[in-house]
Amino acid sequence: MKAMEVNVPAPSQHAPLVAPPSAPPLPRAAWLRHGPFLAHLVVTRRCNLSCAYCNEYDRTSSPVPREALEQRLAKLRQLRTWMVCLTGGEPTLHPDLVRLVARMKELGIRRRQMITNGYRMTRRLVEELNGAGLTDLQISVDGVRPNSTTVKVLDRLRGRLELLAAAARFRVVVSAVVGSAPPSEALEVVRFTQRVGLTPRIILLHDGSGQLRLGPDELAAFAEVKRLLGRRGRESADYRQRLIDGGAAPFRCRAGARYLYVDERGDVRWCSQTPALFSKPLAEYGLDDLTRQFDTPKPCAVGCTVGCARSASAYDGWRPQGSRQATTPDRG
């Protein structure tokens, strides 16, 4: 399944370097009301793979300069962001990855995460990430054997996952992906993950707009993996199941507030799948922006499968949205 094309900003157009923010931290009370729980920070758009369903990579762009990324990390800390996840592209292609993780720890960011395809994980890198203070790592495994859609599969990653199980001092979550390989292979990925002692979860492949696109065989596999995972396979409100059953799982999306997606240019977007709908430079972001985006209804929320946006929004599901504070969003 190939994702729909989206208008990702040109990777070479990095925001100009500016001085680190000198503003005081966001007041704690303001953070509790509207501040970010999670931010994804793109460190490079380049990837060493070319999975057919993915629209978040290229093969040519340069890594974002470390100085620019450190300034963005400082700004995220000034906004009291609780968890920052380094992403891409493939973040292990960034030459200063370990230094960036260490900088997150120095800044006092509580949860320091990375998403990787796993291909470049070595014992040396695992030990360096241990020392730098990484707390969480995510790897999604699309199936067992390579196919025309993906090579991010268990047959290629088995040894690296065993290495992580043996050597990592950070939490490793392995996501079995339903939708990019024969459905039964997701079950084998989950069983392997449980056997080596890593944390399994399940995700559903979405298209380039973040919407669900699966057939009956994939849906049957999803139900079986949920049964295998037990309580771990059932989440609050179980939105994936509601999407499957009814084609809709509306929620009050707090992207741009509780969840920030910061692209390679340093612009905040609602998420990786909606780059054309909202944009504002992170360097200019403040409490007014957090409050406005917290209160702005998102037109894509009904069929959204983007778990990070949903999870970061779950805490505030009871709070209304669409008051006079919400205005027409900024656009890139």
C-alpha atoms as a PDB file:
ATOM      1  CA  MET A   1       0.000   0.000   0.000  1.00  0.00           C
ATOM      2  CA  LYS A   2       1.520   3.302  -1.067  1.00  0.00           C
ATOM      3  CA  ALA A   3       0.808   6.389   0.986  1.00  0.00           C
ATOM      4  CA  MET A   4      -0.725   9.439  -0.633  1.00  0.00           C
ATOM      5  CA  GLU A   5       1.686  12.207  -1.531  1.00  0.00           C
ATOM      6  CA  VAL A   6       1.769  15.223   0.763  1.00  0.00           C
ATOM      7  CA  ASN A   7       3.444  18.581   0.436  1.00  0.00           C
ATOM      8  CA  VAL A   8       6.486  18.044   2.654  1.00  0.00           C
ATOM      9  CA  PRO A   9       8.674  21.181   2.846  1.00  0.00           C
ATOM     10  CA  ALA A  10      11.898  21.176   0.868  1.00  0.00           C
ATOM     11  CA  PRO A  11      14.483  19.441   3.106  1.00  0.00           C
ATOM     12  CA  SER A  12      17.261  21.903   2.306  1.00  0.00           C
ATOM     13  CA  GLN A  13      15.334  24.923   3.563  1.00  0.00           C
ATOM     14  CA  HIS A  14      16.415  25.017   7.199  1.00  0.00           C
ATOM     15  CA  ALA A  15      15.323  27.936   9.316  1.00  0.00           C
ATOM     16  CA  PRO A  16      18.112  30.472   9.933  1.00  0.00           C
ATOM     17  CA  LEU A  17      20.031  30.043  13.151  1.00  0.00           C
ATOM     18  CA  VAL A  18      18.861  32.281  15.950  1.00  0.00           C
ATOM     19  CA  ALA A  19      20.000  32.803  19.503  1.00  0.00           C
ATOM     20  CA  PRO A  20      18.689  30.266  22.040  1.00  0.00           C
ATOM     21  CA  PRO A  21      15.478  31.456  23.659  1.00  0.00           C
ATOM     22  CA  SER A  22      16.059  33.693  26.656  1.00  0.00           C
ATOM     23  CA  ALA A  23      12.419  33.741  27.739  1.00  0.00           C
ATOM     24  CA  PRO A  24      11.618  32.212  31.121  1.00  0.00           C
ATOM     25  CA  PRO A  25      10.043  28.757  31.178  1.00  0.00           C
ATOM     26  CA  LEU A  26       6.347  28.531  30.465  1.00  0.00           C
ATOM     27  CA  PRO A  27       4.579  28.867  33.827  1.00  0.00           C
ATOM     28  CA  ARG A  28       3.764  25.441  35.188  1.00  0.00           C
ATOM     29  CA  ALA A  29       0.071  26.282  35.530  1.00  0.00           C
ATOM     30  CA  ALA A  30      -0.038  27.299  31.855  1.00  0.00           C
ATOM     31  CA  TRP A  31       1.713  24.074  30.851  1.00  0.00           C
ATOM     32  CA  LEU A  32      -0.814  22.031  32.809  1.00  0.00           C
ATOM     33  CA  ARG A  33      -3.643  23.724  30.909  1.00  0.00           C
ATOM     34  CA  HIS A  34      -2.254  23.852  27.361  1.00  0.00           C
ATOM     35  CA  GLY A  35       1.428  22.866  27.210  1.00  0.00           C
ATOM     36  CA  PRO A  36       3.129  20.100  25.210  1.00  0.00           C
ATOM     37  CA  PHE A  37       3.350  16.552  26.514  1.00  0.00           C
ATOM     38  CA  LEU A  38       5.158  15.226  23.419  1.00  0.00           C
ATOM     39  CA  ALA A  39       7.178  16.709  20.568  1.00  0.00           C
ATOM     40  CA  HIS A  40       8.580  14.949  17.515  1.00  0.00           C
ATOM     41  CA  LEU A  41      11.730  16.683  16.264  1.00  0.00           C
ATOM     42  CA  VAL A  42      12.916  15.865  12.736  1.00  0.00           C
ATOM     43  CA  VAL A  43      16.724  15.696  12.749  1.00  0.00           C
ATOM     44  CA  THR A  44      17.138  14.610   9.126  1.00  0.00           C
ATOM     45  CA  ARG A  45      14.748  13.840   6.292  1.00  0.00           C
ATOM     46  CA  ARG A  46      17.182  11.360   4.726  1.00  0.00           C
ATOM     47  CA  CYS A  47      16.591   7.640   5.146  1.00  0.00           C
ATOM     48  CA  ASN A  48      18.630   4.577   4.229  1.00  0.00           C
ATOM     49  CA  LEU A  49      15.446   2.710   3.247  1.00  0.00           C
ATOM     50  CA  SER A  50      12.629   3.497   0.818  1.00  0.00           C
ATOM     51  CA  CYS A  51       9.498   1.792   2.124  1.00  0.00           C
ATOM     52  CA  ALA A  52       6.737   2.205  -0.454  1.00  0.00           C
ATOM     53  CA  TYR A  53       4.087   3.365   2.035  1.00  0.00           C
ATOM     54  CA  CYS A  54       6.225   6.063   3.688  1.00  0.00           C
ATOM     55  CA  ASN A  55       6.018   9.759   2.763  1.00  0.00           C
ATOM     56  CA  GLU A  56       8.370  11.099   5.473  1.00  0.00           C
ATOM     57  CA  TYR A  57      11.802  10.661   3.905  1.00  0.00           C
ATOM     58  CA  ASP A  58      14.129  11.443   1.022  1.00  0.00           C
ATOM     59  CA  ARG A  59      17.501  10.080  -0.128  1.00  0.00           C
ATOM     60  CA  THR A  60      19.452  13.316  -0.626  1.00  0.00           C
ATOM     61  CA  SER A  61      18.971  15.968   2.060  1.00  0.00           C
ATOM     62  CA  SER A  62      21.622  16.906   4.602  1.00  0.00           C
ATOM     63  CA  PRO A  63      21.136  16.487   8.350  1.00  0.00           C
ATOM     64  CA  VAL A  64      19.759  19.524  10.160  1.00  0.00           C
ATOM     65  CA  PRO A  65      22.767  21.348  11.717  1.00  0.00           C
ATOM     66  CA  ARG A  66      23.348  20.364  15.330  1.00  0.00           C
ATOM     67  CA  GLU A  67      23.350  23.990  16.476  1.00  0.00           C
ATOM     68  CA  ALA A  68      19.855  24.517  15.045  1.00  0.00           C
ATOM     69  CA  LEU A  69      18.592  21.334  16.671  1.00  0.00           C
ATOM     70  CA  GLU A  70      20.042  22.281  20.043  1.00  0.00           C
ATOM     71  CA  GLN A  71      18.261  25.629  19.824  1.00  0.00           C
ATOM     72  CA  ARG A  72      15.008  23.843  19.037  1.00  0.00           C
ATOM     73  CA  LEU A  73      15.543  21.496  21.973  1.00  0.00           C
ATOM     74  CA  ALA A  74      16.121  24.503  24.237  1.00  0.00           C
ATOM     75  CA  LYS A  75      12.905  26.060  22.979  1.00  0.00           C
ATOM     76  CA  LEU A  76      10.980  22.840  23.587  1.00  0.00           C
ATOM     77  CA  ARG A  77      12.375  22.749  27.104  1.00  0.00           C
ATOM     78  CA  GLN A  78      11.340  26.391  27.591  1.00  0.00           C
ATOM     79  CA  LEU A  79       7.810  25.254  26.691  1.00  0.00           C
ATOM     80  CA  ARG A  80       8.212  22.504  29.356  1.00  0.00           C
ATOM     81  CA  THR A  81       7.825  19.676  26.813  1.00  0.00           C
ATOM     82  CA  TRP A  82       7.780  16.457  28.827  1.00  0.00           C
ATOM     83  CA  MET A  83       8.902  14.009  26.097  1.00  0.00           C
ATOM     84  CA  VAL A  84      10.929  14.760  22.969  1.00  0.00           C
ATOM     85  CA  CYS A  85      11.301  12.136  20.255  1.00  0.00           C
ATOM     86  CA  LEU A  86      14.047  12.429  17.636  1.00  0.00           C
ATOM     87  CA  THR A  87      12.722  11.310  14.279  1.00  0.00           C
ATOM     88  CA  GLY A  88      13.190  11.585  10.524  1.00  0.00           C
ATOM     89  CA  GLY A  89      13.810  10.132   7.990  1.00  0.00           C
ATOM     90  CA  GLU A  90      16.219   7.910   9.859  1.00  0.00           C
ATOM     91  CA  PRO A  91      17.755   9.699  12.885  1.00  0.00           C
ATOM     92  CA  THR A  92      20.747   7.341  13.147  1.00  0.00           C
ATOM     93  CA  LEU A  93      22.023   9.003   9.939  1.00  0.00           C
ATOM     94  CA  HIS A  94      22.607  12.209  11.910  1.00  0.00           C
ATOM     95  CA  PRO A  95      26.312  12.420  12.844  1.00  0.00           C
ATOM     96  CA  ASP A  96      25.550  14.147  16.166  1.00  0.00           C
ATOM     97  CA  LEU A  97      22.720  11.891  17.312  1.00  0.00           C
ATOM     98  CA  VAL A  98      24.365  10.847  20.581  1.00  0.00           C
ATOM     99  CA  ARG A  99      25.273  14.446  21.425  1.00  0.00           C
ATOM    100  CA  LEU A 100      21.670  15.479  20.817  1.00  0.00           C
ATOM    101  CA  VAL A 101      20.398  12.827  23.216  1.00  0.00           C
ATOM    102  CA  ALA A 102      22.925  13.966  25.817  1.00  0.00           C
ATOM    103  CA  ARG A 103      21.825  17.566  25.296  1.00  0.00           C
ATOM    104  CA  MET A 104      18.215  16.598  25.977  1.00  0.00           C
ATOM    105  CA  LYS A 105      19.324  15.145  29.313  1.00  0.00           C
ATOM    106  CA  GLU A 106      21.357  18.266  30.145  1.00  0.00           C
ATOM    107  CA  LEU A 107      18.312  20.431  29.435  1.00  0.00           C
ATOM    108  CA  GLY A 108      16.219  18.384  31.847  1.00  0.00           C
ATOM    109  CA  ILE A 109      13.817  16.836  29.310  1.00  0.00           C
ATOM    110  CA  ARG A 110      12.289  13.955  31.247  1.00  0.00           C
ATOM    111  CA  ARG A 111      11.679  11.412  28.485  1.00  0.00           C
ATOM    112  CA  ARG A 112      14.210  11.222  25.656  1.00  0.00           C
ATOM    113  CA  GLN A 113      13.046   9.072  22.772  1.00  0.00           C
ATOM    114  CA  MET A 114      14.060   8.060  19.258  1.00  0.00           C
ATOM    115  CA  ILE A 115      12.271   6.344  16.377  1.00  0.00           C
ATOM    116  CA  THR A 116      14.479   4.221  14.112  1.00  0.00           C
ATOM    117  CA  ASN A 117      14.157   1.531  11.461  1.00  0.00           C
ATOM    118  CA  GLY A 118      16.817  -0.407  13.387  1.00  0.00           C
ATOM    119  CA  TYR A 119      19.138  -1.136  10.469  1.00  0.00           C
ATOM    120  CA  ARG A 120      22.037   0.909  11.844  1.00  0.00           C
ATOM    121  CA  MET A 121      21.821  -0.258  15.443  1.00  0.00           C
ATOM    122  CA  THR A 122      25.173  -1.655  16.593  1.00  0.00           C
ATOM    123  CA  ARG A 123      26.496  -2.587  20.022  1.00  0.00           C
ATOM    124  CA  ARG A 124      28.629   0.547  20.033  1.00  0.00           C
ATOM    125  CA  LEU A 125      25.660   2.798  19.245  1.00  0.00           C
ATOM    126  CA  VAL A 126      23.501   1.080  21.866  1.00  0.00           C
ATOM    127  CA  GLU A 127      26.179   1.638  24.508  1.00  0.00           C
ATOM    128  CA  GLU A 128      26.597   5.275  23.453  1.00  0.00           C
ATOM    129  CA  LEU A 129      22.852   5.841  23.711  1.00  0.00           C
ATOM    130  CA  ASN A 130      22.866   4.178  27.127  1.00  0.00           C
ATOM    131  CA  GLY A 131      25.533   6.607  28.269  1.00  0.00           C
ATOM    132  CA  ALA A 132      23.842   9.647  26.720  1.00  0.00           C
ATOM    133  CA  GLY A 133      20.623   8.975  28.606  1.00  0.00           C
ATOM    134  CA  LEU A 134      18.131   7.744  26.007  1.00  0.00           C
ATOM    135  CA  THR A 135      15.005   6.561  27.832  1.00  0.00           C
ATOM    136  CA  ASP A 136      12.825   5.157  25.024  1.00  0.00           C
ATOM    137  CA  LEU A 137      13.287   3.728  21.533  1.00  0.00           C
ATOM    138  CA  GLN A 138      10.662   2.690  18.986  1.00  0.00           C
ATOM    139  CA  ILE A 139      11.111   0.324  16.050  1.00  0.00           C
ATOM    140  CA  SER A 140       8.257  -0.637  13.754  1.00  0.00           C
ATOM    141  CA  VAL A 141       8.572  -4.022  12.048  1.00  0.00           C
ATOM    142  CA  ASP A 142       6.405  -4.403   8.981  1.00  0.00           C
ATOM    143  CA  GLY A 143       6.436  -8.181   8.693  1.00  0.00           C
ATOM    144  CA  VAL A 144       8.787 -11.165   8.568  1.00  0.00           C
ATOM    145  CA  ARG A 145      10.108 -11.388   5.012  1.00  0.00           C
ATOM    146  CA  PRO A 146      11.023  -8.605   2.548  1.00  0.00           C
ATOM    147  CA  ASN A 147       8.447  -7.747  -0.098  1.00  0.00           C
ATOM    148  CA  SER A 148       7.874  -5.077  -2.742  1.00  0.00           C
ATOM    149  CA  THR A 149       6.611  -2.658  -0.091  1.00  0.00           C
ATOM    150  CA  THR A 150       9.174  -2.989   2.683  1.00  0.00           C
ATOM    151  CA  VAL A 151      12.459  -4.504   3.854  1.00  0.00           C
ATOM    152  CA  LYS A 152      11.886  -3.336   7.445  1.00  0.00           C
ATOM    153  CA  VAL A 153      11.119  -6.897   8.473  1.00  0.00           C
ATOM    154  CA  LEU A 154      12.021  -9.449  11.103  1.00  0.00           C
ATOM    155  CA  ASP A 155      14.311 -11.509   8.860  1.00  0.00           C
ATOM    156  CA  ARG A 156      16.567  -8.440   8.492  1.00  0.00           C
ATOM    157  CA  LEU A 157      16.192  -7.086  12.045  1.00  0.00           C
ATOM    158  CA  ARG A 158      16.167 -10.194  14.234  1.00  0.00           C
ATOM    159  CA  GLY A 159      19.812  -9.879  15.299  1.00  0.00           C
ATOM    160  CA  ARG A 160      19.531  -6.171  16.043  1.00  0.00           C
ATOM    161  CA  LEU A 161      16.431  -6.695  18.163  1.00  0.00           C
ATOM    162  CA  GLU A 162      18.231  -9.434  20.105  1.00  0.00           C
ATOM    163  CA  LEU A 163      21.114  -7.001  20.632  1.00  0.00           C
ATOM    164  CA  LEU A 164      18.741  -4.369  21.987  1.00  0.00           C
ATOM    165  CA  ALA A 165      17.143  -6.917  24.305  1.00  0.00           C
ATOM    166  CA  ALA A 166      20.546  -7.850  25.684  1.00  0.00           C
ATOM    167  CA  ALA A 167      22.286  -4.474  25.881  1.00  0.00           C
ATOM    168  CA  ALA A 168      19.834  -1.550  25.943  1.00  0.00           C
ATOM    169  CA  ARG A 169      19.205   0.171  29.265  1.00  0.00           C
ATOM    170  CA  PHE A 170      16.355   2.128  27.695  1.00  0.00           C
ATOM    171  CA  ARG A 171      12.837   0.881  26.986  1.00  0.00           C
ATOM    172  CA  VAL A 172      12.446  -0.631  23.519  1.00  0.00           C
ATOM    173  CA  VAL A 173       8.986  -0.827  21.939  1.00  0.00           C
ATOM    174  CA  VAL A 174       8.580  -2.966  18.830  1.00  0.00           C
ATOM    175  CA  SER A 175       5.499  -2.089  16.808  1.00  0.00           C
ATOM    176  CA  ALA A 176       4.044  -4.849  14.654  1.00  0.00           C
ATOM    177  CA  VAL A 177       2.588  -3.148  11.579  1.00  0.00           C
ATOM    178  CA  VAL A 178      -0.592  -4.512  10.033  1.00  0.00           C
ATOM    179  CA  GLY A 179      -1.002  -3.563   6.378  1.00  0.00           C
ATOM    180  CA  SER A 180       2.399  -3.785   4.676  1.00  0.00           C
ATOM    181  CA  ALA A 181       2.977  -7.575   4.623  1.00  0.00           C
ATOM    182  CA  PRO A 182       0.887 -10.778   4.761  1.00  0.00           C
ATOM    183  CA  PRO A 183      -1.291 -10.274   7.844  1.00  0.00           C
ATOM    184  CA  SER A 184      -0.132 -13.438   9.639  1.00  0.00           C
ATOM    185  CA  GLU A 185       3.409 -12.030   9.811  1.00  0.00           C
ATOM    186  CA  ALA A 186       2.338  -9.433  12.371  1.00  0.00           C
ATOM    187  CA  LEU A 187       1.597 -12.300  14.762  1.00  0.00           C
ATOM    188  CA  GLU A 188       5.099 -13.681  14.341  1.00  0.00           C
ATOM    189  CA  VAL A 189       6.592 -10.246  15.033  1.00  0.00           C
ATOM    190  CA  VAL A 190       4.615  -9.984  18.282  1.00  0.00           C
ATOM    191  CA  ARG A 191       5.575 -13.488  19.410  1.00  0.00           C
ATOM    192  CA  PHE A 192       9.260 -12.845  18.712  1.00  0.00           C
ATOM    193  CA  THR A 193       9.149  -9.532  20.575  1.00  0.00           C
ATOM    194  CA  GLN A 194       7.593 -11.184  23.615  1.00  0.00           C
ATOM    195  CA  ARG A 195      10.087 -14.037  23.494  1.00  0.00           C
ATOM    196  CA  VAL A 196      13.178 -11.800  23.604  1.00  0.00           C
ATOM    197  CA  GLY A 197      11.740  -9.566  26.349  1.00  0.00           C
ATOM    198  CA  LEU A 198      11.032  -6.335  24.451  1.00  0.00           C
ATOM    199  CA  THR A 199       7.720  -4.464  24.581  1.00  0.00           C
ATOM    200  CA  PRO A 200       5.295  -5.296  21.750  1.00  0.00           C
ATOM    201  CA  ARG A 201       2.492  -3.153  20.415  1.00  0.00           C
ATOM    202  CA  ILE A 202       0.409  -3.029  17.247  1.00  0.00           C
ATOM    203  CA  ILE A 203      -0.151  -0.236  14.742  1.00  0.00           C
ATOM    204  CA  LEU A 204      -2.261  -0.008  11.604  1.00  0.00           C
ATOM    205  CA  LEU A 205      -0.865   1.288   8.344  1.00  0.00           C
ATOM    206  CA  HIS A 206      -2.376   4.601   7.313  1.00  0.00           C
ATOM    207  CA  ASP A 207      -2.228   6.563   4.097  1.00  0.00           C
ATOM    208  CA  GLY A 208      -0.497   9.891   3.499  1.00  0.00           C
ATOM    209  CA  SER A 209      -3.344  11.822   5.107  1.00  0.00           C
ATOM    210  CA  GLY A 210      -3.306   9.724   8.277  1.00  0.00           C
ATOM    211  CA  GLN A 211      -6.501   7.818   7.425  1.00  0.00           C
ATOM    212  CA  LEU A 212      -7.071   4.076   7.772  1.00  0.00           C
ATOM    213  CA  ARG A 213      -6.728   1.923   4.642  1.00  0.00           C
ATOM    214  CA  LEU A 214      -6.984  -1.828   5.370  1.00  0.00           C
ATOM    215  CA  GLY A 215      -8.761  -4.845   3.887  1.00  0.00           C
ATOM    216  CA  PRO A 216     -10.597  -7.710   5.618  1.00  0.00           C
ATOM    217  CA  ASP A 217      -7.523  -9.948   5.985  1.00  0.00           C
ATOM    218  CA  GLU A 218      -5.575  -7.192   7.722  1.00  0.00           C
ATOM    219  CA  LEU A 219      -8.494  -6.455  10.027  1.00  0.00           C
ATOM    220  CA  ALA A 220      -8.701 -10.124  11.013  1.00  0.00           C
ATOM    221  CA  ALA A 221      -4.988 -10.119  11.793  1.00  0.00           C
ATOM    222  CA  PHE A 222      -5.421  -7.008  13.908  1.00  0.00           C
ATOM    223  CA  ALA A 223      -8.077  -8.761  15.993  1.00  0.00           C
ATOM    224  CA  GLU A 224      -5.816 -11.773  16.514  1.00  0.00           C
ATOM    225  CA  VAL A 225      -2.836  -9.640  17.540  1.00  0.00           C
ATOM    226  CA  LYS A 226      -5.038  -7.783  20.014  1.00  0.00           C
ATOM    227  CA  ARG A 227      -6.053 -11.109  21.515  1.00  0.00           C
ATOM    228  CA  LEU A 228      -2.400 -12.157  21.731  1.00  0.00           C
ATOM    229  CA  LEU A 229      -1.399  -8.930  23.463  1.00  0.00           C
ATOM    230  CA  GLY A 230      -4.271  -9.074  25.947  1.00  0.00           C
ATOM    231  CA  ARG A 231      -4.713  -5.931  28.021  1.00  0.00           C
ATOM    232  CA  ARG A 232      -1.662  -4.373  26.369  1.00  0.00           C
ATOM    233  CA  GLY A 233      -3.495  -4.540  23.039  1.00  0.00           C
ATOM    234  CA  ARG A 234      -6.469  -2.569  24.337  1.00  0.00           C
ATOM    235  CA  GLU A 235      -5.974   1.130  24.723  1.00  0.00           C
ATOM    236  CA  SER A 236      -8.030   3.855  26.300  1.00  0.00           C
ATOM    237  CA  ALA A 237     -11.164   4.341  24.162  1.00  0.00           C
ATOM    238  CA  ASP A 238      -9.745   1.732  21.731  1.00  0.00           C
ATOM    239  CA  TYR A 239      -9.883   4.183  18.838  1.00  0.00           C
ATOM    240  CA  ARG A 240      -8.379   1.774  16.298  1.00  0.00           C
ATOM    241  CA  GLN A 241     -11.210  -0.657  16.897  1.00  0.00           C
ATOM    242  CA  ARG A 242     -13.755   2.147  16.556  1.00  0.00           C
ATOM    243  CA  LEU A 243     -12.175   3.141  13.238  1.00  0.00           C
ATOM    244  CA  ILE A 244     -12.474  -0.427  12.040  1.00  0.00           C
ATOM    245  CA  ASP A 245     -16.032  -0.910  13.244  1.00  0.00           C
ATOM    246  CA  GLY A 246     -17.526   2.404  12.195  1.00  0.00           C
ATOM    247  CA  GLY A 247     -14.999   4.172   9.982  1.00  0.00           C
ATOM    248  CA  ALA A 248     -14.790   7.040  12.456  1.00  0.00           C
ATOM    249  CA  ALA A 249     -13.363   7.684  15.891  1.00  0.00           C
ATOM    250  CA  PRO A 250     -13.736  11.416  16.513  1.00  0.00           C
ATOM    251  CA  PHE A 251     -11.720  13.075  19.242  1.00  0.00           C
ATOM    252  CA  ARG A 252     -10.668  16.562  20.302  1.00  0.00           C
ATOM    253  CA  CYS A 253      -7.225  16.732  18.759  1.00  0.00           C
ATOM    254  CA  ARG A 254      -4.792  18.955  20.669  1.00  0.00           C
ATOM    255  CA  ALA A 255      -2.029  18.880  18.051  1.00  0.00           C
ATOM    256  CA  GLY A 256      -0.141  22.161  18.063  1.00  0.00           C
ATOM    257  CA  ALA A 257      -0.454  22.200  21.844  1.00  0.00           C
ATOM    258  CA  ARG A 258      -0.159  18.861  23.654  1.00  0.00           C
ATOM    259  CA  TYR A 259       1.619  17.402  20.615  1.00  0.00           C
ATOM    260  CA  LEU A 260       4.126  19.323  18.480  1.00  0.00           C
ATOM    261  CA  TYR A 261       5.599  18.011  15.239  1.00  0.00           C
ATOM    262  CA  VAL A 262       8.685  20.095  14.420  1.00  0.00           C
ATOM    263  CA  ASP A 263       9.896  19.582  10.866  1.00  0.00           C
ATOM    264  CA  GLU A 264      13.417  19.969   9.465  1.00  0.00           C
ATOM    265  CA  ARG A 265      12.869  23.689   8.848  1.00  0.00           C
ATOM    266  CA  GLY A 266      11.994  24.247  12.496  1.00  0.00           C
ATOM    267  CA  ASP A 267       8.278  24.764  11.819  1.00  0.00           C
ATOM    268  CA  VAL A 268       5.576  23.342  14.071  1.00  0.00           C
ATOM    269  CA  ARG A 269       2.977  21.299  12.180  1.00  0.00           C
ATOM    270  CA  TRP A 270      -0.082  19.474  13.483  1.00  0.00           C
ATOM    271  CA  CYS A 271       1.528  16.167  12.500  1.00  0.00           C
ATOM    272  CA  SER A 272       3.672  14.569   9.814  1.00  0.00           C
ATOM    273  CA  GLN A 273       0.617  13.785   7.663  1.00  0.00           C
ATOM    274  CA  THR A 274      -0.903  17.296   7.596  1.00  0.00           C
ATOM    275  CA  PRO A 275       1.978  19.643   6.706  1.00  0.00           C
ATOM    276  CA  ALA A 276      -0.171  21.889   4.526  1.00  0.00           C
ATOM    277  CA  LEU A 277      -2.814  22.602   7.177  1.00  0.00           C
ATOM    278  CA  PHE A 278      -0.817  24.457   9.809  1.00  0.00           C
ATOM    279  CA  SER A 279       2.663  25.912  10.180  1.00  0.00           C
ATOM    280  CA  LYS A 280       4.458  28.298  12.516  1.00  0.00           C
ATOM    281  CA  PRO A 281       8.171  28.571  13.389  1.00  0.00           C
ATOM    282  CA  LEU A 282       8.955  26.933  16.714  1.00  0.00           C
ATOM    283  CA  ALA A 283      11.206  29.881  17.595  1.00  0.00           C
ATOM    284  CA  GLU A 284       8.118  32.141  17.598  1.00  0.00           C
ATOM    285  CA  TYR A 285       5.883  29.742  19.501  1.00  0.00           C
ATOM    286  CA  GLY A 286       4.402  30.820  22.805  1.00  0.00           C
ATOM    287  CA  LEU A 287       1.482  30.458  25.174  1.00  0.00           C
ATOM    288  CA  ASP A 288      -0.938  32.196  22.802  1.00  0.00           C
ATOM    289  CA  ASP A 289      -0.123  29.639  20.100  1.00  0.00           C
ATOM    290  CA  LEU A 290      -0.497  26.695  22.474  1.00  0.00           C
ATOM    291  CA  THR A 291      -3.838  28.018  23.702  1.00  0.00           C
ATOM    292  CA  ARG A 292      -5.133  28.708  20.185  1.00  0.00           C
ATOM    293  CA  GLN A 293      -4.136  25.314  18.791  1.00  0.00           C
ATOM    294  CA  PHE A 294      -5.449  23.524  21.872  1.00  0.00           C
ATOM    295  CA  ASP A 295      -8.824  25.057  21.135  1.00  0.00           C
ATOM    296  CA  THR A 296      -8.772  24.652  17.324  1.00  0.00           C
ATOM    297  CA  PRO A 297     -10.870  21.741  15.982  1.00  0.00           C
ATOM    298  CA  LYS A 298      -8.922  19.690  13.446  1.00  0.00           C
ATOM    299  CA  PRO A 299     -10.844  18.699  10.274  1.00  0.00           C
ATOM    300  CA  CYS A 300      -8.888  15.422   9.981  1.00  0.00           C
ATOM    301  CA  ALA A 301      -9.672  14.149  13.497  1.00  0.00           C
ATOM    302  CA  VAL A 302     -12.630  11.876  12.700  1.00  0.00           C
ATOM    303  CA  GLY A 303     -10.645   9.241  10.799  1.00  0.00           C
ATOM    304  CA  CYS A 304      -7.185   9.944  12.216  1.00  0.00           C
ATOM    305  CA  THR A 305      -4.906   6.974  12.955  1.00  0.00           C
ATOM    306  CA  VAL A 306      -1.915   9.028  14.154  1.00  0.00           C
ATOM    307  CA  GLY A 307      -1.447   7.512  17.592  1.00  0.00           C
ATOM    308  CA  CYS A 308       0.912  10.160  18.976  1.00  0.00           C
ATOM    309  CA  ALA A 309      -1.630  12.936  18.388  1.00  0.00           C
ATOM    310  CA  ARG A 310      -4.433  10.865  19.881  1.00  0.00           C
ATOM    311  CA  SER A 311      -2.411   9.780  22.921  1.00  0.00           C
ATOM    312  CA  ALA A 312      -1.229  13.300  23.692  1.00  0.00           C
ATOM    313  CA  SER A 313      -4.823  14.535  23.384  1.00  0.00           C
ATOM    314  CA  ALA A 314      -6.424  11.888  25.587  1.00  0.00           C
ATOM    315  CA  TYR A 315      -5.829  13.728  28.891  1.00  0.00           C
ATOM    316  CA  ASP A 316      -8.061  16.611  27.795  1.00  0.00           C
ATOM    317  CA  GLY A 317     -10.841  14.727  26.068  1.00  0.00           C
ATOM    318  CA  TRP A 318     -13.405  16.132  28.485  1.00  0.00           C
ATOM    319  CA  ARG A 319     -12.530  19.760  27.745  1.00  0.00           C
ATOM    320  CA  PRO A 320     -14.501  21.639  25.051  1.00  0.00           C
ATOM    321  CA  GLN A 321     -12.995  22.902  21.828  1.00  0.00           C
ATOM    322  CA  GLY A 322     -13.910  25.632  19.360  1.00  0.00           C
ATOM    323  CA  SER A 323     -14.329  28.657  21.625  1.00  0.00           C
ATOM    324  CA  ARG A 324     -13.669  32.238  20.561  1.00  0.00           C
ATOM    325  CA  GLN A 325      -9.937  31.664  21.179  1.00  0.00           C
ATOM    326  CA  ALA A 326      -9.735  29.494  18.067  1.00  0.00           C
ATOM    327  CA  THR A 327      -9.016  31.406  14.893  1.00  0.00           C
ATOM    328  CA  THR A 328      -8.088  30.486  11.345  1.00  0.00           C
ATOM    329  CA  PRO A 329      -4.809  28.543  11.704  1.00  0.00           C
ATOM    330  CA  ASP A 330      -1.522  29.823  10.379  1.00  0.00           C
ATOM    331  CA  ARG A 331      -0.475  28.117   7.157  1.00  0.00           C
ATOM    332  CA  GLY A 332       2.908  27.355   5.720  1.00  0.00           C
END
